[in-house]
Amino acid sequence: MIRILLADDHKLLRSGIRSLLDGLDDIEVVAEASNAIDAIALVKELQPDVALLDIAMPGMSGLDAADQIAALRIDTKVVILSMHQDEEYVKRALKSGVAGYLLKDAGIEELEIAIRAVARGESFLSPAASKHLIADFRKRSDSEKRLDEILSPRQIEVLRMIAEGDNTKTIARKLEISVKTVESHRAQLMNKLEIHDVAGLVRYAIRFGLVDRSES
């Protein structure tokens, strides 16, 4: 049997999850907790195979509880239950040593897959959460490329001039192009770099050495 500890401060939600788990073969809920402190004590006492912890509980979060469970050096694997799919939450969970990150709107099939995966010693991330994590990784990978692999020579030139403080009309005059073309280049820069304000473009230009920090 895969022995489960379930911790969530909402009794109705906890009961719903338990009802789902009770219908699965080889999975048994051995204890419930309504807060992280009790969950840690029960993990220490019972050493279940998997602890399902709500990310947000009064007094101590599920992530902080995961840190303390990891410090116990026992075999209990932690799966975080969360409403948040942003990469910041997922990264924080992974840093806490959790084996799984499951969104609360997941179906019973996904819940079962997550539990069985972490019980085997594998990791599990809800597809919606991992999608955001992959997007963030790709974004960071793009930022590590050389600038001329990301932008055209003209786009680099416009970016440098924006960072130097030139306004749209000045850039148009210096490059002998129309104001509308400059505005188009700026929109393309923001879209390609996923930056939505001029201050962000300036910081980006500084990071890539297009302008000196002392000049900005």
C-alpha atoms as a PDB file:
ATOM      1  CA  MET A   1       0.000   0.000   0.000  1.00  0.00           C
ATOM      2  CA  ILE A   2       1.061   3.584  -0.664  1.00  0.00           C
ATOM      3  CA  ARG A   3       0.457   5.340   2.637  1.00  0.00           C
ATOM      4  CA  ILE A   4      -0.680   8.963   2.379  1.00  0.00           C
ATOM      5  CA  LEU A   5      -0.775  11.894   4.782  1.00  0.00           C
ATOM      6  CA  LEU A   6      -3.160  14.640   3.653  1.00  0.00           C
ATOM      7  CA  ALA A   7      -2.788  18.199   4.985  1.00  0.00           C
ATOM      8  CA  ASP A   8      -5.143  21.039   4.050  1.00  0.00           C
ATOM      9  CA  ASP A   9      -6.824  23.627   6.249  1.00  0.00           C
ATOM     10  CA  HIS A  10     -10.099  23.375   4.318  1.00  0.00           C
ATOM     11  CA  LYS A  11     -12.000  20.395   5.713  1.00  0.00           C
ATOM     12  CA  LEU A  12     -14.360  20.143   2.731  1.00  0.00           C
ATOM     13  CA  LEU A  13     -11.495  20.039   0.239  1.00  0.00           C
ATOM     14  CA  ARG A  14      -9.595  17.573   2.420  1.00  0.00           C
ATOM     15  CA  SER A  15     -12.642  15.315   2.579  1.00  0.00           C
ATOM     16  CA  GLY A  16     -13.065  15.513  -1.197  1.00  0.00           C
ATOM     17  CA  ILE A  17      -9.474  14.512  -1.868  1.00  0.00           C
ATOM     18  CA  ARG A  18      -9.684  11.698   0.675  1.00  0.00           C
ATOM     19  CA  SER A  19     -12.844  10.414  -0.981  1.00  0.00           C
ATOM     20  CA  LEU A  20     -11.032  10.295  -4.320  1.00  0.00           C
ATOM     21  CA  LEU A  21      -8.021   8.535  -2.827  1.00  0.00           C
ATOM     22  CA  ASP A  22     -10.156   5.983  -0.977  1.00  0.00           C
ATOM     23  CA  GLY A  23     -11.407   4.798  -4.358  1.00  0.00           C
ATOM     24  CA  LEU A  24      -7.919   3.947  -5.617  1.00  0.00           C
ATOM     25  CA  ASP A  25      -6.316   0.528  -5.265  1.00  0.00           C
ATOM     26  CA  ASP A  26      -3.148   0.236  -3.160  1.00  0.00           C
ATOM     27  CA  ILE A  27      -3.470   3.809  -1.818  1.00  0.00           C
ATOM     28  CA  GLU A  28      -4.448   4.492   1.784  1.00  0.00           C
ATOM     29  CA  VAL A  29      -4.850   7.782   3.641  1.00  0.00           C
ATOM     30  CA  VAL A  30      -3.318   7.052   7.056  1.00  0.00           C
ATOM     31  CA  ALA A  31      -3.699  10.537   8.573  1.00  0.00           C
ATOM     32  CA  GLU A  32      -5.077  14.028   8.002  1.00  0.00           C
ATOM     33  CA  ALA A  33      -3.930  17.414   9.291  1.00  0.00           C
ATOM     34  CA  SER A  34      -5.437  20.881   9.114  1.00  0.00           C
ATOM     35  CA  ASN A  35      -2.138  22.751   9.509  1.00  0.00           C
ATOM     36  CA  ALA A  36       1.535  22.360   8.726  1.00  0.00           C
ATOM     37  CA  ILE A  37       2.698  21.918  12.334  1.00  0.00           C
ATOM     38  CA  ASP A  38       0.444  18.903  12.852  1.00  0.00           C
ATOM     39  CA  ALA A  39       1.408  17.571   9.428  1.00  0.00           C
ATOM     40  CA  ILE A  40       5.119  17.612  10.326  1.00  0.00           C
ATOM     41  CA  ALA A  41       4.432  15.844  13.640  1.00  0.00           C
ATOM     42  CA  LEU A  42       2.377  13.157  11.880  1.00  0.00           C
ATOM     43  CA  VAL A  43       5.023  12.673   9.217  1.00  0.00           C
ATOM     44  CA  LYS A  44       7.643  12.236  11.919  1.00  0.00           C
ATOM     45  CA  GLU A  45       5.435   9.724  13.769  1.00  0.00           C
ATOM     46  CA  LEU A  46       3.962   7.720  10.895  1.00  0.00           C
ATOM     47  CA  GLN A  47       6.545   8.214   8.130  1.00  0.00           C
ATOM     48  CA  PRO A  48       3.983   7.851   5.302  1.00  0.00           C
ATOM     49  CA  ASP A  49       5.168   7.205   1.764  1.00  0.00           C
ATOM     50  CA  VAL A  50       3.697  10.473   0.481  1.00  0.00           C
ATOM     51  CA  ALA A  51       2.637  13.703   2.193  1.00  0.00           C
ATOM     52  CA  LEU A  52       0.124  15.796   0.220  1.00  0.00           C
ATOM     53  CA  LEU A  53       0.513  19.338   1.555  1.00  0.00           C
ATOM     54  CA  ASP A  54      -1.561  22.395   0.726  1.00  0.00           C
ATOM     55  CA  ILE A  55       0.745  25.251  -0.238  1.00  0.00           C
ATOM     56  CA  ALA A  56      -1.144  27.812   1.871  1.00  0.00           C
ATOM     57  CA  MET A  57      -2.021  26.887   5.448  1.00  0.00           C
ATOM     58  CA  PRO A  58      -2.336  29.123   8.525  1.00  0.00           C
ATOM     59  CA  GLY A  59       0.780  29.564  10.640  1.00  0.00           C
ATOM     60  CA  MET A  60       3.180  27.806   8.277  1.00  0.00           C
ATOM     61  CA  SER A  61       3.013  27.208   4.539  1.00  0.00           C
ATOM     62  CA  GLY A  62       3.249  23.825   2.886  1.00  0.00           C
ATOM     63  CA  LEU A  63       6.584  24.895   1.405  1.00  0.00           C
ATOM     64  CA  ASP A  64       8.050  25.662   4.825  1.00  0.00           C
ATOM     65  CA  ALA A  65       6.697  22.333   6.058  1.00  0.00           C
ATOM     66  CA  ALA A  66       8.392  20.636   3.098  1.00  0.00           C
ATOM     67  CA  ASP A  67      11.701  22.187   4.199  1.00  0.00           C
ATOM     68  CA  GLN A  68      11.276  20.739   7.686  1.00  0.00           C
ATOM     69  CA  ILE A  69      10.222  17.324   6.402  1.00  0.00           C
ATOM     70  CA  ALA A  70      13.291  17.223   4.165  1.00  0.00           C
ATOM     71  CA  ALA A  71      15.434  17.944   7.242  1.00  0.00           C
ATOM     72  CA  LEU A  72      14.022  14.833   8.958  1.00  0.00           C
ATOM     73  CA  ARG A  73      15.979  12.639   6.521  1.00  0.00           C
ATOM     74  CA  ILE A  74      13.175  10.114   6.158  1.00  0.00           C
ATOM     75  CA  ASP A  75      11.696   8.509   3.045  1.00  0.00           C
ATOM     76  CA  THR A  76       8.436  10.473   2.986  1.00  0.00           C
ATOM     77  CA  LYS A  77       7.993  12.219  -0.380  1.00  0.00           C
ATOM     78  CA  VAL A  78       6.186  15.567  -0.438  1.00  0.00           C
ATOM     79  CA  VAL A  79       3.653  16.607  -3.070  1.00  0.00           C
ATOM     80  CA  ILE A  80       2.523  20.233  -2.917  1.00  0.00           C
ATOM     81  CA  LEU A  81      -1.139  20.985  -3.689  1.00  0.00           C
ATOM     82  CA  SER A  82      -1.448  24.488  -5.104  1.00  0.00           C
ATOM     83  CA  MET A  83      -3.715  26.883  -6.971  1.00  0.00           C
ATOM     84  CA  HIS A  84      -0.622  28.638  -8.390  1.00  0.00           C
ATOM     85  CA  GLN A  85       1.010  27.591 -11.654  1.00  0.00           C
ATOM     86  CA  ASP A  86       3.532  30.465 -11.855  1.00  0.00           C
ATOM     87  CA  GLU A  87       7.163  29.460 -12.166  1.00  0.00           C
ATOM     88  CA  GLU A  88       8.107  31.330  -8.955  1.00  0.00           C
ATOM     89  CA  TYR A  89       5.988  28.993  -6.839  1.00  0.00           C
ATOM     90  CA  VAL A  90       7.191  25.890  -8.689  1.00  0.00           C
ATOM     91  CA  LYS A  91      10.842  26.908  -8.332  1.00  0.00           C
ATOM     92  CA  ARG A  92      10.381  27.583  -4.617  1.00  0.00           C
ATOM     93  CA  ALA A  93       8.776  24.160  -4.221  1.00  0.00           C
ATOM     94  CA  LEU A  94      11.595  22.417  -6.054  1.00  0.00           C
ATOM     95  CA  LYS A  95      14.159  24.223  -3.886  1.00  0.00           C
ATOM     96  CA  SER A  96      12.313  22.833  -0.853  1.00  0.00           C
ATOM     97  CA  GLY A  97      13.008  19.338  -2.144  1.00  0.00           C
ATOM     98  CA  VAL A  98       9.431  18.388  -2.985  1.00  0.00           C
ATOM     99  CA  ALA A  99       8.903  15.403  -5.259  1.00  0.00           C
ATOM    100  CA  GLY A 100       5.710  16.691  -6.823  1.00  0.00           C
ATOM    101  CA  TYR A 101       3.738  19.859  -7.559  1.00  0.00           C
ATOM    102  CA  LEU A 102       0.059  19.303  -8.297  1.00  0.00           C
ATOM    103  CA  LEU A 103      -2.544  21.935  -9.165  1.00  0.00           C
ATOM    104  CA  LYS A 104      -5.778  21.741  -7.196  1.00  0.00           C
ATOM    105  CA  ASP A 105      -7.899  21.658 -10.337  1.00  0.00           C
ATOM    106  CA  ALA A 106      -6.200  18.425 -11.442  1.00  0.00           C
ATOM    107  CA  GLY A 107      -8.383  15.398 -12.172  1.00  0.00           C
ATOM    108  CA  ILE A 108      -8.314  12.103 -10.299  1.00  0.00           C
ATOM    109  CA  GLU A 109      -6.165  10.511 -13.012  1.00  0.00           C
ATOM    110  CA  GLU A 110      -3.484  13.178 -12.604  1.00  0.00           C
ATOM    111  CA  LEU A 111      -3.634  12.857  -8.817  1.00  0.00           C
ATOM    112  CA  GLU A 112      -3.125   9.107  -9.034  1.00  0.00           C
ATOM    113  CA  ILE A 113      -0.267   9.460 -11.528  1.00  0.00           C
ATOM    114  CA  ALA A 114       1.450  12.009  -9.271  1.00  0.00           C
ATOM    115  CA  ILE A 115       1.181   9.835  -6.161  1.00  0.00           C
ATOM    116  CA  ARG A 116       2.373   6.669  -7.872  1.00  0.00           C
ATOM    117  CA  ALA A 117       5.240   8.519  -9.573  1.00  0.00           C
ATOM    118  CA  VAL A 118       6.649  10.067  -6.395  1.00  0.00           C
ATOM    119  CA  ALA A 119       6.123   6.807  -4.471  1.00  0.00           C
ATOM    120  CA  ARG A 120       8.420   5.162  -7.068  1.00  0.00           C
ATOM    121  CA  GLY A 121      11.043   7.805  -6.392  1.00  0.00           C
ATOM    122  CA  GLU A 122      10.251   9.889  -9.478  1.00  0.00           C
ATOM    123  CA  SER A 123       9.213  13.538  -9.723  1.00  0.00           C
ATOM    124  CA  PHE A 124       5.924  14.960 -10.956  1.00  0.00           C
ATOM    125  CA  LEU A 125       4.877  18.444 -12.081  1.00  0.00           C
ATOM    126  CA  SER A 126       1.381  19.295 -13.257  1.00  0.00           C
ATOM    127  CA  PRO A 127       1.589  19.920 -17.024  1.00  0.00           C
ATOM    128  CA  ALA A 128       0.221  23.468 -16.643  1.00  0.00           C
ATOM    129  CA  ALA A 129       2.912  24.295 -14.064  1.00  0.00           C
ATOM    130  CA  SER A 130       5.732  22.689 -16.036  1.00  0.00           C
ATOM    131  CA  LYS A 131       4.653  24.644 -19.149  1.00  0.00           C
ATOM    132  CA  HIS A 132       5.349  27.925 -17.335  1.00  0.00           C
ATOM    133  CA  LEU A 133       8.652  26.586 -16.021  1.00  0.00           C
ATOM    134  CA  ILE A 134       9.759  25.579 -19.522  1.00  0.00           C
ATOM    135  CA  ALA A 135       8.709  28.969 -20.913  1.00  0.00           C
ATOM    136  CA  ASP A 136      10.787  30.698 -18.244  1.00  0.00           C
ATOM    137  CA  PHE A 137      13.776  28.458 -19.025  1.00  0.00           C
ATOM    138  CA  ARG A 138      13.505  29.266 -22.722  1.00  0.00           C
ATOM    139  CA  LYS A 139      13.260  32.968 -21.959  1.00  0.00           C
ATOM    140  CA  ARG A 140      16.416  32.805 -19.822  1.00  0.00           C
ATOM    141  CA  SER A 141      18.168  30.757 -22.502  1.00  0.00           C
ATOM    142  CA  ASP A 142      17.317  33.409 -25.092  1.00  0.00           C
ATOM    143  CA  SER A 143      18.754  36.118 -22.845  1.00  0.00           C
ATOM    144  CA  GLU A 144      22.045  34.215 -22.712  1.00  0.00           C
ATOM    145  CA  LYS A 145      22.429  34.283 -26.500  1.00  0.00           C
ATOM    146  CA  ARG A 146      24.565  36.873 -28.223  1.00  0.00           C
ATOM    147  CA  LEU A 147      22.595  39.990 -29.027  1.00  0.00           C
ATOM    148  CA  ASP A 148      23.131  39.632 -32.767  1.00  0.00           C
ATOM    149  CA  GLU A 149      21.476  36.203 -32.591  1.00  0.00           C
ATOM    150  CA  ILE A 150      18.331  37.769 -31.195  1.00  0.00           C
ATOM    151  CA  LEU A 151      18.029  41.145 -32.954  1.00  0.00           C
ATOM    152  CA  SER A 152      18.737  42.512 -36.410  1.00  0.00           C
ATOM    153  CA  PRO A 153      21.518  45.148 -36.828  1.00  0.00           C
ATOM    154  CA  ARG A 154      18.895  47.891 -37.217  1.00  0.00           C
ATOM    155  CA  GLN A 155      17.012  46.742 -34.122  1.00  0.00           C
ATOM    156  CA  ILE A 156      20.261  46.794 -32.127  1.00  0.00           C
ATOM    157  CA  GLU A 157      20.940  50.314 -33.377  1.00  0.00           C
ATOM    158  CA  VAL A 158      17.468  51.507 -32.367  1.00  0.00           C
ATOM    159  CA  LEU A 159      17.783  49.817 -28.982  1.00  0.00           C
ATOM    160  CA  ARG A 160      21.118  51.534 -28.331  1.00  0.00           C
ATOM    161  CA  MET A 161      19.694  54.933 -29.253  1.00  0.00           C
ATOM    162  CA  ILE A 162      16.642  54.419 -27.029  1.00  0.00           C
ATOM    163  CA  ALA A 163      18.966  53.497 -24.154  1.00  0.00           C
ATOM    164  CA  GLU A 164      21.034  56.636 -24.802  1.00  0.00           C
ATOM    165  CA  GLY A 165      17.908  58.729 -24.280  1.00  0.00           C
ATOM    166  CA  ASP A 166      17.048  59.636 -27.869  1.00  0.00           C
ATOM    167  CA  ASN A 167      13.346  60.168 -28.491  1.00  0.00           C
ATOM    168  CA  THR A 168      11.460  58.816 -31.480  1.00  0.00           C
ATOM    169  CA  LYS A 169      11.883  61.936 -33.647  1.00  0.00           C
ATOM    170  CA  THR A 170      15.622  62.151 -32.917  1.00  0.00           C
ATOM    171  CA  ILE A 171      16.139  58.483 -33.800  1.00  0.00           C
ATOM    172  CA  ALA A 172      14.178  58.976 -37.034  1.00  0.00           C
ATOM    173  CA  ARG A 173      16.285  61.990 -37.971  1.00  0.00           C
ATOM    174  CA  LYS A 174      19.621  60.327 -37.174  1.00  0.00           C
ATOM    175  CA  LEU A 175      18.761  57.138 -39.036  1.00  0.00           C
ATOM    176  CA  GLU A 176      16.967  58.986 -41.836  1.00  0.00           C
ATOM    177  CA  ILE A 177      13.825  56.920 -41.465  1.00  0.00           C
ATOM    178  CA  SER A 178      10.236  57.841 -40.642  1.00  0.00           C
ATOM    179  CA  VAL A 179       8.874  58.211 -37.126  1.00  0.00           C
ATOM    180  CA  LYS A 180       6.421  55.429 -37.941  1.00  0.00           C
ATOM    181  CA  THR A 181       9.316  53.094 -38.802  1.00  0.00           C
ATOM    182  CA  VAL A 182      11.040  53.896 -35.508  1.00  0.00           C
ATOM    183  CA  GLU A 183       7.829  53.148 -33.640  1.00  0.00           C
ATOM    184  CA  SER A 184       7.559  49.861 -35.530  1.00  0.00           C
ATOM    185  CA  HIS A 185      11.140  48.919 -34.563  1.00  0.00           C
ATOM    186  CA  ARG A 186      10.432  49.743 -30.912  1.00  0.00           C
ATOM    187  CA  ALA A 187       7.260  47.607 -30.938  1.00  0.00           C
ATOM    188  CA  GLN A 188       9.182  44.728 -32.504  1.00  0.00           C
ATOM    189  CA  LEU A 189      11.898  45.054 -29.846  1.00  0.00           C
ATOM    190  CA  MET A 190       9.369  44.928 -27.021  1.00  0.00           C
ATOM    191  CA  ASN A 191       7.573  41.982 -28.569  1.00  0.00           C
ATOM    192  CA  LYS A 192      10.735  39.990 -29.307  1.00  0.00           C
ATOM    193  CA  LEU A 193      12.346  40.674 -25.919  1.00  0.00           C
ATOM    194  CA  GLU A 194       9.051  40.430 -23.997  1.00  0.00           C
ATOM    195  CA  ILE A 195       9.743  43.839 -22.456  1.00  0.00           C
ATOM    196  CA  HIS A 196       6.848  46.262 -22.223  1.00  0.00           C
ATOM    197  CA  ASP A 197       8.340  49.617 -21.275  1.00  0.00           C
ATOM    198  CA  VAL A 198      11.252  51.864 -22.266  1.00  0.00           C
ATOM    199  CA  ALA A 199      12.916  51.494 -18.858  1.00  0.00           C
ATOM    200  CA  GLY A 200      13.063  47.749 -19.431  1.00  0.00           C
ATOM    201  CA  LEU A 201      14.665  48.267 -22.844  1.00  0.00           C
ATOM    202  CA  VAL A 202      17.287  50.531 -21.254  1.00  0.00           C
ATOM    203  CA  ARG A 203      18.131  47.902 -18.623  1.00  0.00           C
ATOM    204  CA  TYR A 204      18.386  45.267 -21.341  1.00  0.00           C
ATOM    205  CA  ALA A 205      20.728  47.447 -23.416  1.00  0.00           C
ATOM    206  CA  ILE A 206      22.940  48.078 -20.376  1.00  0.00           C
ATOM    207  CA  ARG A 207      23.105  44.361 -19.603  1.00  0.00           C
ATOM    208  CA  PHE A 208      24.366  43.653 -23.112  1.00  0.00           C
ATOM    209  CA  GLY A 209      26.859  46.514 -23.033  1.00  0.00           C
ATOM    210  CA  LEU A 210      25.218  48.692 -25.689  1.00  0.00           C
ATOM    211  CA  VAL A 211      25.574  51.692 -23.404  1.00  0.00           C
ATOM    212  CA  ASP A 212      27.731  52.351 -20.377  1.00  0.00           C
ATOM    213  CA  ARG A 213      25.984  52.283 -16.978  1.00  0.00           C
ATOM    214  CA  SER A 214      27.391  55.681 -16.152  1.00  0.00           C
ATOM    215  CA  GLU A 215      25.650  57.146 -19.207  1.00  0.00           C
ATOM    216  CA  SER A 216      22.162  55.860 -18.343  1.00  0.00           C
END
